[in-house]
């Protein structure tokens, strides 16, 4: 085991890569030496190369904002990127009710936004 600094550790081992029946890929690394490293879990960007090298970089945690307005089947929120998001969900078995509920909840959200703009002025 080679340590380059307090955070980086180089380990010898065996990497097994494969593809599942559904087309998704997987990889397992088994260390072949005595090592003590901090356990971790997270979402990663992974790049597997033709020569067998595997590069991983952890993605930042998703920061969620609370919705400005929440209704039975929808919510309106302002994202970190400055865009407003209107999210509407409805079970598949209620397809016949979708057009009416969508229009109704979108109108309610628009009315709430208008009221909040007027109250700020």
PDB file of N, CA and C in Angstrom:
ATOM      1  N   UNK A   1       0.841  -1.171   0.000  1.00  0.00           N
ATOM      2  CA  UNK A   1       0.000   0.000   0.000  1.00  0.00           C
ATOM      3  C   UNK A   1       0.883   1.230   0.000  1.00  0.00           C
ATOM      4  N   UNK A   2       0.585   2.180  -0.888  1.00  0.00           N
ATOM      5  CA  UNK A   2       1.358   3.412  -1.029  1.00  0.00           C
ATOM      6  C   UNK A   2       0.476   4.583  -0.634  1.00  0.00           C
ATOM      7  N   UNK A   3       0.937   5.412   0.295  1.00  0.00           N
ATOM      8  CA  UNK A   3       0.181   6.574   0.729  1.00  0.00           C
ATOM      9  C   UNK A   3       0.849   7.822   0.178  1.00  0.00           C
ATOM     10  N   UNK A   4       0.120   8.625  -0.597  1.00  0.00           N
ATOM     11  CA  UNK A   4       0.678   9.849  -1.164  1.00  0.00           C
ATOM     12  C   UNK A   4       0.450  11.049  -0.252  1.00  0.00           C
ATOM     13  N   UNK A   5      -0.623  11.068   0.490  1.00  0.00           N
ATOM     14  CA  UNK A   5      -0.864  12.055   1.544  1.00  0.00           C
ATOM     15  C   UNK A   5      -1.906  11.476   2.481  1.00  0.00           C
ATOM     16  N   UNK A   6      -2.394  12.242   3.429  1.00  0.00           N
ATOM     17  CA  UNK A   6      -3.331  11.704   4.415  1.00  0.00           C
ATOM     18  C   UNK A   6      -4.647  11.264   3.788  1.00  0.00           C
ATOM     19  N   UNK A   7      -5.003  11.772   2.623  1.00  0.00           N
ATOM     20  CA  UNK A   7      -6.291  11.440   2.008  1.00  0.00           C
ATOM     21  C   UNK A   7      -6.179  10.390   0.906  1.00  0.00           C
ATOM     22  N   UNK A   8      -5.111  10.380   0.161  1.00  0.00           N
ATOM     23  CA  UNK A   8      -4.983   9.478  -0.981  1.00  0.00           C
ATOM     24  C   UNK A   8      -4.278   8.193  -0.572  1.00  0.00           C
ATOM     25  N   UNK A   9      -4.851   7.069  -0.995  1.00  0.00           N
ATOM     26  CA  UNK A   9      -4.267   5.759  -0.715  1.00  0.00           C
ATOM     27  C   UNK A   9      -4.294   4.967  -2.009  1.00  0.00           C
ATOM     28  N   UNK A  10      -3.191   4.321  -2.337  1.00  0.00           N
ATOM     29  CA  UNK A  10      -3.129   3.448  -3.500  1.00  0.00           C
ATOM     30  C   UNK A  10      -3.176   2.019  -2.995  1.00  0.00           C
ATOM     31  N   UNK A  11      -4.117   1.234  -3.543  1.00  0.00           N
ATOM     32  CA  UNK A  11      -4.306  -0.137  -3.096  1.00  0.00           C
ATOM     33  C   UNK A  11      -4.122  -1.093  -4.259  1.00  0.00           C
ATOM     34  N   UNK A  12      -3.519  -2.237  -3.991  1.00  0.00           N
ATOM     35  CA  UNK A  12      -3.433  -3.306  -4.979  1.00  0.00           C
ATOM     36  C   UNK A  12      -4.638  -4.210  -4.800  1.00  0.00           C
ATOM     37  N   UNK A  13      -5.175  -4.702  -5.908  1.00  0.00           N
ATOM     38  CA  UNK A  13      -6.333  -5.570  -5.805  1.00  0.00           C
ATOM     39  C   UNK A  13      -6.788  -6.057  -7.159  1.00  0.00           C
ATOM     40  N   UNK A  14      -8.000  -6.592  -7.169  1.00  0.00           N
ATOM     41  CA  UNK A  14      -8.560  -7.144  -8.391  1.00  0.00           C
ATOM     42  C   UNK A  14      -9.880  -6.435  -8.687  1.00  0.00           C
ATOM     43  N   UNK A  15     -10.021  -5.946  -9.917  1.00  0.00           N
ATOM     44  CA  UNK A  15     -11.234  -5.274 -10.350  1.00  0.00           C
ATOM     45  C   UNK A  15     -11.998  -6.210 -11.284  1.00  0.00           C
ATOM     46  N   UNK A  16     -13.259  -6.451 -10.969  1.00  0.00           N
ATOM     47  CA  UNK A  16     -14.125  -7.266 -11.808  1.00  0.00           C
ATOM     48  C   UNK A  16     -15.212  -6.362 -12.353  1.00  0.00           C
ATOM     49  N   UNK A  17     -15.385  -6.347 -13.671  1.00  0.00           N
ATOM     50  CA  UNK A  17     -16.420  -5.526 -14.295  1.00  0.00           C
ATOM     51  C   UNK A  17     -17.316  -6.429 -15.127  1.00  0.00           C
ATOM     52  N   UNK A  18     -18.570  -6.025 -15.282  1.00  0.00           N
ATOM     53  CA  UNK A  18     -19.492  -6.833 -16.063  1.00  0.00           C
ATOM     54  C   UNK A  18     -20.711  -6.037 -16.476  1.00  0.00           C
ATOM     55  N   UNK A  19     -21.590  -6.729 -17.171  1.00  0.00           N
ATOM     56  CA  UNK A  19     -22.831  -6.111 -17.641  1.00  0.00           C
ATOM     57  C   UNK A  19     -23.978  -7.049 -17.284  1.00  0.00           C
ATOM     58  N   UNK A  20     -25.035  -6.487 -16.710  1.00  0.00           N
ATOM     59  CA  UNK A  20     -26.205  -7.267 -16.342  1.00  0.00           C
ATOM     60  C   UNK A  20     -27.076  -7.535 -17.565  1.00  0.00           C
ATOM     61  N   UNK A  21     -28.053  -8.403 -17.408  1.00  0.00           N
ATOM     62  CA  UNK A  21     -28.960  -8.735 -18.517  1.00  0.00           C
ATOM     63  C   UNK A  21     -29.745  -7.520 -19.007  1.00  0.00           C
ATOM     64  N   UNK A  22     -29.987  -6.553 -18.110  1.00  0.00           N
ATOM     65  CA  UNK A  22     -30.731  -5.350 -18.491  1.00  0.00           C
ATOM     66  C   UNK A  22     -29.844  -4.281 -19.129  1.00  0.00           C
ATOM     67  N   UNK A  23     -28.558  -4.583 -19.327  1.00  0.00           N
ATOM     68  CA  UNK A  23     -27.649  -3.659 -19.995  1.00  0.00           C
ATOM     69  C   UNK A  23     -26.864  -2.760 -19.056  1.00  0.00           C
ATOM     70  N   UNK A  24     -27.213  -2.748 -17.765  1.00  0.00           N
ATOM     71  CA  UNK A  24     -26.482  -1.914 -16.809  1.00  0.00           C
ATOM     72  C   UNK A  24     -25.150  -2.564 -16.453  1.00  0.00           C
ATOM     73  N   UNK A  25     -24.163  -1.736 -16.221  1.00  0.00           N
ATOM     74  CA  UNK A  25     -22.825  -2.227 -15.898  1.00  0.00           C
ATOM     75  C   UNK A  25     -22.615  -2.224 -14.394  1.00  0.00           C
ATOM     76  N   UNK A  26     -21.671  -3.058 -13.933  1.00  0.00           N
ATOM     77  CA  UNK A  26     -21.311  -3.104 -12.533  1.00  0.00           C
ATOM     78  C   UNK A  26     -19.807  -3.314 -12.414  1.00  0.00           C
ATOM     79  N   UNK A  27     -19.266  -2.975 -11.266  1.00  0.00           N
ATOM     80  CA  UNK A  27     -17.837  -3.175 -11.011  1.00  0.00           C
ATOM     81  C   UNK A  27     -17.639  -3.478  -9.532  1.00  0.00           C
ATOM     82  N   UNK A  28     -16.753  -4.414  -9.251  1.00  0.00           N
ATOM     83  CA  UNK A  28     -16.365  -4.757  -7.883  1.00  0.00           C
ATOM     84  C   UNK A  28     -14.855  -4.700  -7.784  1.00  0.00           C
ATOM     85  N   UNK A  29     -14.355  -4.093  -6.718  1.00  0.00           N
ATOM     86  CA  UNK A  29     -12.918  -4.066  -6.460  1.00  0.00           C
ATOM     87  C   UNK A  29     -12.666  -4.815  -5.162  1.00  0.00           C
ATOM     88  N   UNK A  30     -11.740  -5.770  -5.215  1.00  0.00           N
ATOM     89  CA  UNK A  30     -11.374  -6.523  -4.022  1.00  0.00           C
ATOM     90  C   UNK A  30      -9.912  -6.246  -3.706  1.00  0.00           C
ATOM     91  N   UNK A  31      -9.702  -5.676  -2.549  1.00  0.00           N
ATOM     92  CA  UNK A  31      -8.353  -5.316  -2.122  1.00  0.00           C
ATOM     93  C   UNK A  31      -7.585  -6.578  -1.746  1.00  0.00           C
ATOM     94  N   UNK A  32      -6.313  -6.655  -2.155  1.00  0.00           N
ATOM     95  CA  UNK A  32      -5.489  -7.839  -1.901  1.00  0.00           C
ATOM     96  C   UNK A  32      -4.464  -7.602  -0.792  1.00  0.00           C
ATOM     97  N   UNK A  33      -4.655  -6.590   0.011  1.00  0.00           N
ATOM     98  CA  UNK A  33      -3.690  -6.295   1.065  1.00  0.00           C
ATOM     99  C   UNK A  33      -4.411  -5.774   2.301  1.00  0.00           C
ATOM    100  N   UNK A  34      -3.699  -5.738   3.410  1.00  0.00           N
ATOM    101  CA  UNK A  34      -4.240  -5.187   4.654  1.00  0.00           C
ATOM    102  C   UNK A  34      -4.344  -3.679   4.483  1.00  0.00           C
ATOM    103  N   UNK A  35      -5.534  -3.151   4.635  1.00  0.00           N
ATOM    104  CA  UNK A  35      -5.718  -1.715   4.488  1.00  0.00           C
ATOM    105  C   UNK A  35      -6.830  -1.264   5.418  1.00  0.00           C
ATOM    106  N   UNK A  36      -6.732  -0.015   5.854  1.00  0.00           N
ATOM    107  CA  UNK A  36      -7.776   0.574   6.676  1.00  0.00           C
ATOM    108  C   UNK A  36      -8.094   1.942   6.104  1.00  0.00           C
ATOM    109  N   UNK A  37      -9.219   2.006   5.405  1.00  0.00           N
ATOM    110  CA  UNK A  37      -9.644   3.269   4.806  1.00  0.00           C
ATOM    111  C   UNK A  37     -11.058   3.578   5.294  1.00  0.00           C
ATOM    112  N   UNK A  38     -11.429   4.842   5.219  1.00  0.00           N
ATOM    113  CA  UNK A  38     -12.756   5.264   5.648  1.00  0.00           C
ATOM    114  C   UNK A  38     -13.805   4.743   4.663  1.00  0.00           C
ATOM    115  N   UNK A  39     -14.866   4.142   5.193  1.00  0.00           N
ATOM    116  CA  UNK A  39     -15.958   3.658   4.341  1.00  0.00           C
ATOM    117  C   UNK A  39     -16.724   4.858   3.795  1.00  0.00           C
ATOM    118  N   UNK A  40     -17.297   4.709   2.601  1.00  0.00           N
ATOM    119  CA  UNK A  40     -18.059   5.797   1.999  1.00  0.00           C
ATOM    120  C   UNK A  40     -19.146   5.227   1.114  1.00  0.00           C
ATOM    121  N   UNK A  41     -20.119   6.079   0.824  1.00  0.00           N
ATOM    122  CA  UNK A  41     -21.239   5.726  -0.040  1.00  0.00           C
ATOM    123  C   UNK A  41     -21.674   7.009  -0.724  1.00  0.00           C
ATOM    124  N   UNK A  42     -22.055   6.945  -1.989  1.00  0.00           N
ATOM    125  CA  UNK A  42     -22.503   8.152  -2.666  1.00  0.00           C
ATOM    126  C   UNK A  42     -22.768   7.903  -4.134  1.00  0.00           C
ATOM    127  N   UNK A  43     -23.121   8.974  -4.819  1.00  0.00           N
ATOM    128  CA  UNK A  43     -23.324   8.934  -6.268  1.00  0.00           C
ATOM    129  C   UNK A  43     -22.017   9.356  -6.922  1.00  0.00           C
ATOM    130  N   UNK A  44     -21.620   8.655  -7.981  1.00  0.00           N
ATOM    131  CA  UNK A  44     -20.333   8.900  -8.620  1.00  0.00           C
ATOM    132  C   UNK A  44     -20.472   8.981 -10.129  1.00  0.00           C
ATOM    133  N   UNK A  45     -19.572   9.730 -10.733  1.00  0.00           N
ATOM    134  CA  UNK A  45     -19.371   9.708 -12.176  1.00  0.00           C
ATOM    135  C   UNK A  45     -18.235   8.697 -12.379  1.00  0.00           C
ATOM    136  N   UNK A  46     -18.503   7.682 -13.189  1.00  0.00           N
ATOM    137  CA  UNK A  46     -17.534   6.606 -13.385  1.00  0.00           C
ATOM    138  C   UNK A  46     -17.181   6.514 -14.857  1.00  0.00           C
ATOM    139  N   UNK A  47     -15.891   6.359 -15.127  1.00  0.00           N
ATOM    140  CA  UNK A  47     -15.453   6.193 -16.506  1.00  0.00           C
ATOM    141  C   UNK A  47     -14.542   4.967 -16.566  1.00  0.00           C
ATOM    142  N   UNK A  48     -14.996   3.963 -17.314  1.00  0.00           N
ATOM    143  CA  UNK A  48     -14.187   2.759 -17.527  1.00  0.00           C
ATOM    144  C   UNK A  48     -13.481   2.863 -18.869  1.00  0.00           C
ATOM    145  N   UNK A  49     -12.187   2.643 -18.854  1.00  0.00           N
ATOM    146  CA  UNK A  49     -11.375   2.795 -20.065  1.00  0.00           C
ATOM    147  C   UNK A  49     -11.114   1.436 -20.720  1.00  0.00           C
ATOM    148  N   UNK A  50     -10.738   1.460 -22.017  1.00  0.00           N
ATOM    149  CA  UNK A  50     -10.447   0.236 -22.769  1.00  0.00           C
ATOM    150  C   UNK A  50      -9.301  -0.561 -22.154  1.00  0.00           C
ATOM    151  N   UNK A  51      -8.360   0.140 -21.530  1.00  0.00           N
ATOM    152  CA  UNK A  51      -7.198  -0.554 -20.968  1.00  0.00           C
ATOM    153  C   UNK A  51      -7.452  -1.109 -19.567  1.00  0.00           C
ATOM    154  N   UNK A  52      -8.704  -1.012 -19.073  1.00  0.00           N
ATOM    155  CA  UNK A  52      -9.043  -1.568 -17.761  1.00  0.00           C
ATOM    156  C   UNK A  52      -8.999  -0.562 -16.632  1.00  0.00           C
ATOM    157  N   UNK A  53      -8.496   0.643 -16.901  1.00  0.00           N
ATOM    158  CA  UNK A  53      -8.489   1.654 -15.841  1.00  0.00           C
ATOM    159  C   UNK A  53      -9.918   2.098 -15.557  1.00  0.00           C
ATOM    160  N   UNK A  54     -10.173   2.434 -14.315  1.00  0.00           N
ATOM    161  CA  UNK A  54     -11.490   2.876 -13.887  1.00  0.00           C
ATOM    162  C   UNK A  54     -11.312   4.150 -13.072  1.00  0.00           C
ATOM    163  N   UNK A  55     -12.003   5.205 -13.475  1.00  0.00           N
ATOM    164  CA  UNK A  55     -11.896   6.494 -12.793  1.00  0.00           C
ATOM    165  C   UNK A  55     -13.250   6.844 -12.195  1.00  0.00           C
ATOM    166  N   UNK A  56     -13.239   7.234 -10.928  1.00  0.00           N
ATOM    167  CA  UNK A  56     -14.475   7.586 -10.236  1.00  0.00           C
ATOM    168  C   UNK A  56     -14.326   8.963  -9.607  1.00  0.00           C
ATOM    169  N   UNK A  57     -15.398   9.747  -9.688  1.00  0.00           N
ATOM    170  CA  UNK A  57     -15.427  11.067  -9.065  1.00  0.00           C
ATOM    171  C   UNK A  57     -16.793  11.229  -8.412  1.00  0.00           C
ATOM    172  N   UNK A  58     -16.803  11.509  -7.100  1.00  0.00           N
ATOM    173  CA  UNK A  58     -18.073  11.636  -6.387  1.00  0.00           C
ATOM    174  C   UNK A  58     -18.787  12.905  -6.823  1.00  0.00           C
ATOM    175  N   UNK A  59     -20.102  12.780  -7.042  1.00  0.00           N
ATOM    176  CA  UNK A  59     -20.927  13.921  -7.415  1.00  0.00           C
ATOM    177  C   UNK A  59     -21.383  14.656  -6.158  1.00  0.00           C
ATOM    178  N   UNK A  60     -21.568  15.974  -6.245  1.00  0.00           N
ATOM    179  CA  UNK A  60     -22.032  16.712  -5.062  1.00  0.00           C
ATOM    180  C   UNK A  60     -23.440  16.276  -4.670  1.00  0.00           C
ATOM    181  N   UNK A  61     -23.739  16.412  -3.393  1.00  0.00           N
ATOM    182  CA  UNK A  61     -25.063  16.054  -2.919  1.00  0.00           C
ATOM    183  C   UNK A  61     -26.090  17.013  -3.488  1.00  0.00           C
ATOM    184  N   UNK A  62     -27.254  16.470  -3.791  1.00  0.00           N
ATOM    185  CA  UNK A  62     -28.345  17.274  -4.322  1.00  0.00           C
ATOM    186  C   UNK A  62     -28.926  18.130  -3.197  1.00  0.00           C
ATOM    187  N   UNK A  63     -29.044  19.410  -3.461  1.00  0.00           N
ATOM    188  CA  UNK A  63     -29.637  20.322  -2.487  1.00  0.00           C
ATOM    189  C   UNK A  63     -31.069  20.596  -2.921  1.00  0.00           C
ATOM    190  N   UNK A  64     -32.000  20.247  -2.074  1.00  0.00           N
ATOM    191  CA  UNK A  64     -33.414  20.449  -2.400  1.00  0.00           C
ATOM    192  C   UNK A  64     -33.932  21.675  -1.673  1.00  0.00           C
ATOM    193  N   UNK A  65     -34.716  22.446  -2.379  1.00  0.00           N
ATOM    194  CA  UNK A  65     -35.407  23.572  -1.772  1.00  0.00           C
ATOM    195  C   UNK A  65     -36.838  23.171  -1.487  1.00  0.00           C
ATOM    196  N   UNK A  66     -37.403  23.766  -0.459  1.00  0.00           N
ATOM    197  CA  UNK A  66     -38.805  23.501  -0.163  1.00  0.00           C
ATOM    198  C   UNK A  66     -39.667  24.180  -1.225  1.00  0.00           C
ATOM    199  N   UNK A  67     -40.764  23.530  -1.606  1.00  0.00           N
ATOM    200  CA  UNK A  67     -41.652  24.133  -2.603  1.00  0.00           C
ATOM    201  C   UNK A  67     -42.253  25.443  -2.097  1.00  0.00           C
ATOM    202  N   UNK A  68     -42.450  26.381  -3.019  1.00  0.00           N
ATOM    203  CA  UNK A  68     -43.131  27.637  -2.680  1.00  0.00           C
ATOM    204  C   UNK A  68     -44.600  27.348  -2.381  1.00  0.00           C
ATOM    205  N   UNK A  69     -45.198  26.474  -3.180  1.00  0.00           N
ATOM    206  CA  UNK A  69     -46.594  26.080  -3.019  1.00  0.00           C
ATOM    207  C   UNK A  69     -46.695  24.584  -3.246  1.00  0.00           C
ATOM    208  N   UNK A  70     -47.507  23.937  -2.433  1.00  0.00           N
ATOM    209  CA  UNK A  70     -47.759  22.506  -2.604  1.00  0.00           C
ATOM    210  C   UNK A  70     -49.268  22.297  -2.666  1.00  0.00           C
ATOM    211  N   UNK A  71     -49.695  21.461  -3.603  1.00  0.00           N
ATOM    212  CA  UNK A  71     -51.105  21.123  -3.765  1.00  0.00           C
ATOM    213  C   UNK A  71     -51.243  19.606  -3.748  1.00  0.00           C
ATOM    214  N   UNK A  72     -52.442  19.102  -3.980  1.00  0.00           N
ATOM    215  CA  UNK A  72     -52.673  17.657  -3.908  1.00  0.00           C
ATOM    216  C   UNK A  72     -51.773  16.875  -4.864  1.00  0.00           C
ATOM    217  N   UNK A  73     -51.647  17.335  -6.101  1.00  0.00           N
ATOM    218  CA  UNK A  73     -50.894  16.600  -7.108  1.00  0.00           C
ATOM    219  C   UNK A  73     -49.743  17.398  -7.713  1.00  0.00           C
ATOM    220  N   UNK A  74     -49.433  18.566  -7.171  1.00  0.00           N
ATOM    221  CA  UNK A  74     -48.397  19.384  -7.809  1.00  0.00           C
ATOM    222  C   UNK A  74     -47.671  20.241  -6.775  1.00  0.00           C
ATOM    223  N   UNK A  75     -46.557  20.789  -7.210  1.00  0.00           N
ATOM    224  CA  UNK A  75     -45.805  21.738  -6.392  1.00  0.00           C
ATOM    225  C   UNK A  75     -45.095  22.717  -7.321  1.00  0.00           C
ATOM    226  N   UNK A  76     -44.823  23.897  -6.788  1.00  0.00           N
ATOM    227  CA  UNK A  76     -44.086  24.928  -7.525  1.00  0.00           C
ATOM    228  C   UNK A  76     -42.887  25.306  -6.679  1.00  0.00           C
ATOM    229  N   UNK A  77     -41.705  25.261  -7.271  1.00  0.00           N
ATOM    230  CA  UNK A  77     -40.502  25.609  -6.520  1.00  0.00           C
ATOM    231  C   UNK A  77     -39.537  26.384  -7.409  1.00  0.00           C
ATOM    232  N   UNK A  78     -38.638  27.104  -6.764  1.00  0.00           N
ATOM    233  CA  UNK A  78     -37.581  27.843  -7.453  1.00  0.00           C
ATOM    234  C   UNK A  78     -36.290  27.073  -7.270  1.00  0.00           C
ATOM    235  N   UNK A  79     -35.698  26.635  -8.373  1.00  0.00           N
ATOM    236  CA  UNK A  79     -34.467  25.860  -8.314  1.00  0.00           C
ATOM    237  C   UNK A  79     -33.249  26.729  -8.052  1.00  0.00           C
ATOM    238  N   UNK A  80     -32.154  26.083  -7.692  1.00  0.00           N
ATOM    239  CA  UNK A  80     -30.896  26.795  -7.445  1.00  0.00           C
ATOM    240  C   UNK A  80     -30.390  27.481  -8.703  1.00  0.00           C
ATOM    241  N   UNK A  81     -30.840  27.000  -9.870  1.00  0.00           N
ATOM    242  CA  UNK A  81     -30.416  27.567 -11.144  1.00  0.00           C
ATOM    243  C   UNK A  81     -31.248  28.772 -11.562  1.00  0.00           C
ATOM    244  N   UNK A  82     -32.197  29.195 -10.712  1.00  0.00           N
ATOM    245  CA  UNK A  82     -33.013  30.366 -11.018  1.00  0.00           C
ATOM    246  C   UNK A  82     -34.231  30.073 -11.873  1.00  0.00           C
ATOM    247  N   UNK A  83     -34.546  28.818 -12.104  1.00  0.00           N
ATOM    248  CA  UNK A  83     -35.719  28.432 -12.886  1.00  0.00           C
ATOM    249  C   UNK A  83     -36.831  27.974 -11.949  1.00  0.00           C
ATOM    250  N   UNK A  84     -38.070  28.307 -12.319  1.00  0.00           N
ATOM    251  CA  UNK A  84     -39.229  27.832 -11.575  1.00  0.00           C
ATOM    252  C   UNK A  84     -39.630  26.473 -12.127  1.00  0.00           C
ATOM    253  N   UNK A  85     -39.998  25.556 -11.224  1.00  0.00           N
ATOM    254  CA  UNK A  85     -40.401  24.211 -11.607  1.00  0.00           C
ATOM    255  C   UNK A  85     -41.820  23.936 -11.115  1.00  0.00           C
ATOM    256  N   UNK A  86     -42.712  23.604 -12.038  1.00  0.00           N
ATOM    257  CA  UNK A  86     -44.062  23.162 -11.708  1.00  0.00           C
ATOM    258  C   UNK A  86     -44.075  21.663 -11.960  1.00  0.00           C
ATOM    259  N   UNK A  87     -44.232  20.880 -10.908  1.00  0.00           N
ATOM    260  CA  UNK A  87     -44.196  19.421 -11.010  1.00  0.00           C
ATOM    261  C   UNK A  87     -45.584  18.883 -10.703  1.00  0.00           C
ATOM    262  N   UNK A  88     -46.124  18.107 -11.617  1.00  0.00           N
ATOM    263  CA  UNK A  88     -47.462  17.528 -11.478  1.00  0.00           C
ATOM    264  C   UNK A  88     -47.360  16.021 -11.571  1.00  0.00           C
ATOM    265  N   UNK A  89     -47.956  15.307 -10.620  1.00  0.00           N
ATOM    266  CA  UNK A  89     -47.943  13.842 -10.653  1.00  0.00           C
ATOM    267  C   UNK A  89     -49.359  13.327 -10.434  1.00  0.00           C
ATOM    268  N   UNK A  90     -49.664  12.217 -11.096  1.00  0.00           N
ATOM    269  CA  UNK A  90     -50.981  11.607 -10.972  1.00  0.00           C
ATOM    270  C   UNK A  90     -50.851  10.124 -11.314  1.00  0.00           C
ATOM    271  N   UNK A  91     -51.482   9.251 -10.527  1.00  0.00           N
ATOM    272  CA  UNK A  91     -51.408   7.820 -10.834  1.00  0.00           C
ATOM    273  C   UNK A  91     -51.988   7.501 -12.219  1.00  0.00           C
ATOM    274  N   UNK A  92     -51.455   6.483 -12.837  1.00  0.00           N
ATOM    275  CA  UNK A  92     -51.867   6.101 -14.185  1.00  0.00           C
ATOM    276  C   UNK A  92     -53.355   5.754 -14.265  1.00  0.00           C
ATOM    277  N   UNK A  93     -53.907   5.176 -13.194  1.00  0.00           N
ATOM    278  CA  UNK A  93     -55.315   4.778 -13.239  1.00  0.00           C
ATOM    279  C   UNK A  93     -56.283   5.968 -13.185  1.00  0.00           C
ATOM    280  N   UNK A  94     -55.751   7.189 -13.005  1.00  0.00           N
ATOM    281  CA  UNK A  94     -56.591   8.387 -12.998  1.00  0.00           C
ATOM    282  C   UNK A  94     -56.384   9.220 -14.270  1.00  0.00           C
ATOM    283  N   UNK A  95     -56.010   8.571 -15.349  1.00  0.00           N
ATOM    284  CA  UNK A  95     -55.723   9.254 -16.612  1.00  0.00           C
ATOM    285  C   UNK A  95     -56.890  10.124 -17.078  1.00  0.00           C
ATOM    286  N   UNK A  96     -58.101   9.667 -16.915  1.00  0.00           N
ATOM    287  CA  UNK A  96     -59.267  10.434 -17.369  1.00  0.00           C
ATOM    288  C   UNK A  96     -59.384  11.772 -16.632  1.00  0.00           C
ATOM    289  N   UNK A  97     -58.880  11.836 -15.404  1.00  0.00           N
ATOM    290  CA  UNK A  97     -58.957  13.066 -14.601  1.00  0.00           C
ATOM    291  C   UNK A  97     -57.769  14.005 -14.838  1.00  0.00           C
ATOM    292  N   UNK A  98     -56.762  13.536 -15.559  1.00  0.00           N
ATOM    293  CA  UNK A  98     -55.528  14.310 -15.730  1.00  0.00           C
ATOM    294  C   UNK A  98     -55.752  15.697 -16.330  1.00  0.00           C
ATOM    295  N   UNK A  99     -56.428  15.859 -17.452  1.00  0.00           N
ATOM    296  CA  UNK A  99     -56.552  17.204 -18.033  1.00  0.00           C
ATOM    297  C   UNK A  99     -57.194  18.206 -17.076  1.00  0.00           C
ATOM    298  N   UNK A 100     -58.287  17.814 -16.443  1.00  0.00           N
ATOM    299  CA  UNK A 100     -58.973  18.728 -15.533  1.00  0.00           C
ATOM    300  C   UNK A 100     -58.145  19.094 -14.322  1.00  0.00           C
ATOM    301  N   UNK A 101     -57.527  18.080 -13.696  1.00  0.00           N
ATOM    302  CA  UNK A 101     -56.709  18.341 -12.501  1.00  0.00           C
ATOM    303  C   UNK A 101     -55.479  19.169 -12.857  1.00  0.00           C
ATOM    304  N   UNK A 102     -54.862  18.877 -13.987  1.00  0.00           N
ATOM    305  CA  UNK A 102     -53.673  19.627 -14.401  1.00  0.00           C
ATOM    306  C   UNK A 102     -53.999  21.101 -14.600  1.00  0.00           C
ATOM    307  N   UNK A 103     -55.049  21.389 -15.331  1.00  0.00           N
ATOM    308  CA  UNK A 103     -55.450  22.776 -15.573  1.00  0.00           C
ATOM    309  C   UNK A 103     -55.825  23.454 -14.258  1.00  0.00           C
ATOM    310  N   UNK A 104     -56.585  22.756 -13.420  1.00  0.00           N
ATOM    311  CA  UNK A 104     -57.031  23.326 -12.149  1.00  0.00           C
ATOM    312  C   UNK A 104     -55.851  23.674 -11.240  1.00  0.00           C
ATOM    313  N   UNK A 105     -54.935  22.742 -11.075  1.00  0.00           N
ATOM    314  CA  UNK A 105     -53.805  22.982 -10.175  1.00  0.00           C
ATOM    315  C   UNK A 105     -52.817  23.996 -10.755  1.00  0.00           C
ATOM    316  N   UNK A 106     -52.659  24.018 -12.073  1.00  0.00           N
ATOM    317  CA  UNK A 106     -51.797  25.034 -12.687  1.00  0.00           C
ATOM    318  C   UNK A 106     -52.401  26.424 -12.492  1.00  0.00           C
ATOM    319  N   UNK A 107     -53.712  26.542 -12.663  1.00  0.00           N
ATOM    320  CA  UNK A 107     -54.380  27.828 -12.428  1.00  0.00           C
ATOM    321  C   UNK A 107     -54.253  28.269 -10.974  1.00  0.00           C
ATOM    322  N   UNK A 108     -54.419  27.321 -10.033  1.00  0.00           N
ATOM    323  CA  UNK A 108     -54.279  27.649  -8.617  1.00  0.00           C
ATOM    324  C   UNK A 108     -52.860  28.127  -8.298  1.00  0.00           C
ATOM    325  N   UNK A 109     -51.856  27.448  -8.860  1.00  0.00           N
ATOM    326  CA  UNK A 109     -50.469  27.852  -8.627  1.00  0.00           C
ATOM    327  C   UNK A 109     -50.211  29.239  -9.210  1.00  0.00           C
ATOM    328  N   UNK A 110     -50.731  29.492 -10.403  1.00  0.00           N
ATOM    329  CA  UNK A 110     -50.550  30.815 -11.027  1.00  0.00           C
ATOM    330  C   UNK A 110     -51.212  31.900 -10.185  1.00  0.00           C
ATOM    331  N   UNK A 111     -52.401  31.613  -9.647  1.00  0.00           N
ATOM    332  CA  UNK A 111     -53.093  32.593  -8.803  1.00  0.00           C
ATOM    333  C   UNK A 111     -52.300  32.874  -7.535  1.00  0.00           C
ATOM    334  N   UNK A 112     -51.713  31.829  -6.942  1.00  0.00           N
ATOM    335  CA  UNK A 112     -50.897  32.017  -5.729  1.00  0.00           C
ATOM    336  C   UNK A 112     -49.660  32.857  -6.027  1.00  0.00           C
ATOM    337  N   UNK A 113     -49.049  32.644  -7.190  1.00  0.00           N
ATOM    338  CA  UNK A 113     -47.878  33.442  -7.580  1.00  0.00           C
ATOM    339  C   UNK A 113     -48.287  34.905  -7.754  1.00  0.00           C
ATOM    340  N   UNK A 114     -49.398  35.142  -8.416  1.00  0.00           N
ATOM    341  CA  UNK A 114     -49.871  36.522  -8.618  1.00  0.00           C
ATOM    342  C   UNK A 114     -50.128  37.196  -7.272  1.00  0.00           C
ATOM    343  N   UNK A 115     -50.783  36.482  -6.342  1.00  0.00           N
ATOM    344  CA  UNK A 115     -51.045  37.052  -5.013  1.00  0.00           C
ATOM    345  C   UNK A 115     -49.743  37.355  -4.277  1.00  0.00           C
ATOM    346  N   UNK A 116     -48.762  36.467  -4.394  1.00  0.00           N
ATOM    347  CA  UNK A 116     -47.496  36.702  -3.688  1.00  0.00           C
ATOM    348  C   UNK A 116     -46.721  37.878  -4.294  1.00  0.00           C
ATOM    349  N   UNK A 117     -46.829  38.079  -5.611  1.00  0.00           N
ATOM    350  CA  UNK A 117     -46.170  39.217  -6.259  1.00  0.00           C
ATOM    351  C   UNK A 117     -46.833  40.513  -5.803  1.00  0.00           C
ATOM    352  N   UNK A 118     -48.161  40.533  -5.755  1.00  0.00           N
ATOM    353  CA  UNK A 118     -48.870  41.747  -5.335  1.00  0.00           C
ATOM    354  C   UNK A 118     -48.599  42.073  -3.878  1.00  0.00           C
ATOM    355  N   UNK A 119     -48.452  41.036  -3.030  1.00  0.00           N
ATOM    356  CA  UNK A 119     -48.223  41.298  -1.600  1.00  0.00           C
ATOM    357  C   UNK A 119     -46.816  41.850  -1.363  1.00  0.00           C
ATOM    358  N   UNK A 120     -45.865  41.580  -2.282  1.00  0.00           N
ATOM    359  CA  UNK A 120     -44.511  42.096  -2.136  1.00  0.00           C
ATOM    360  C   UNK A 120     -44.412  43.563  -2.532  1.00  0.00           C
ATOM    361  N   UNK A 121     -45.315  44.017  -3.366  1.00  0.00           N
ATOM    362  CA  UNK A 121     -45.245  45.399  -3.869  1.00  0.00           C
ATOM    363  C   UNK A 121     -45.798  46.380  -2.881  1.00  0.00           C
TER     364      UNK A 121
END
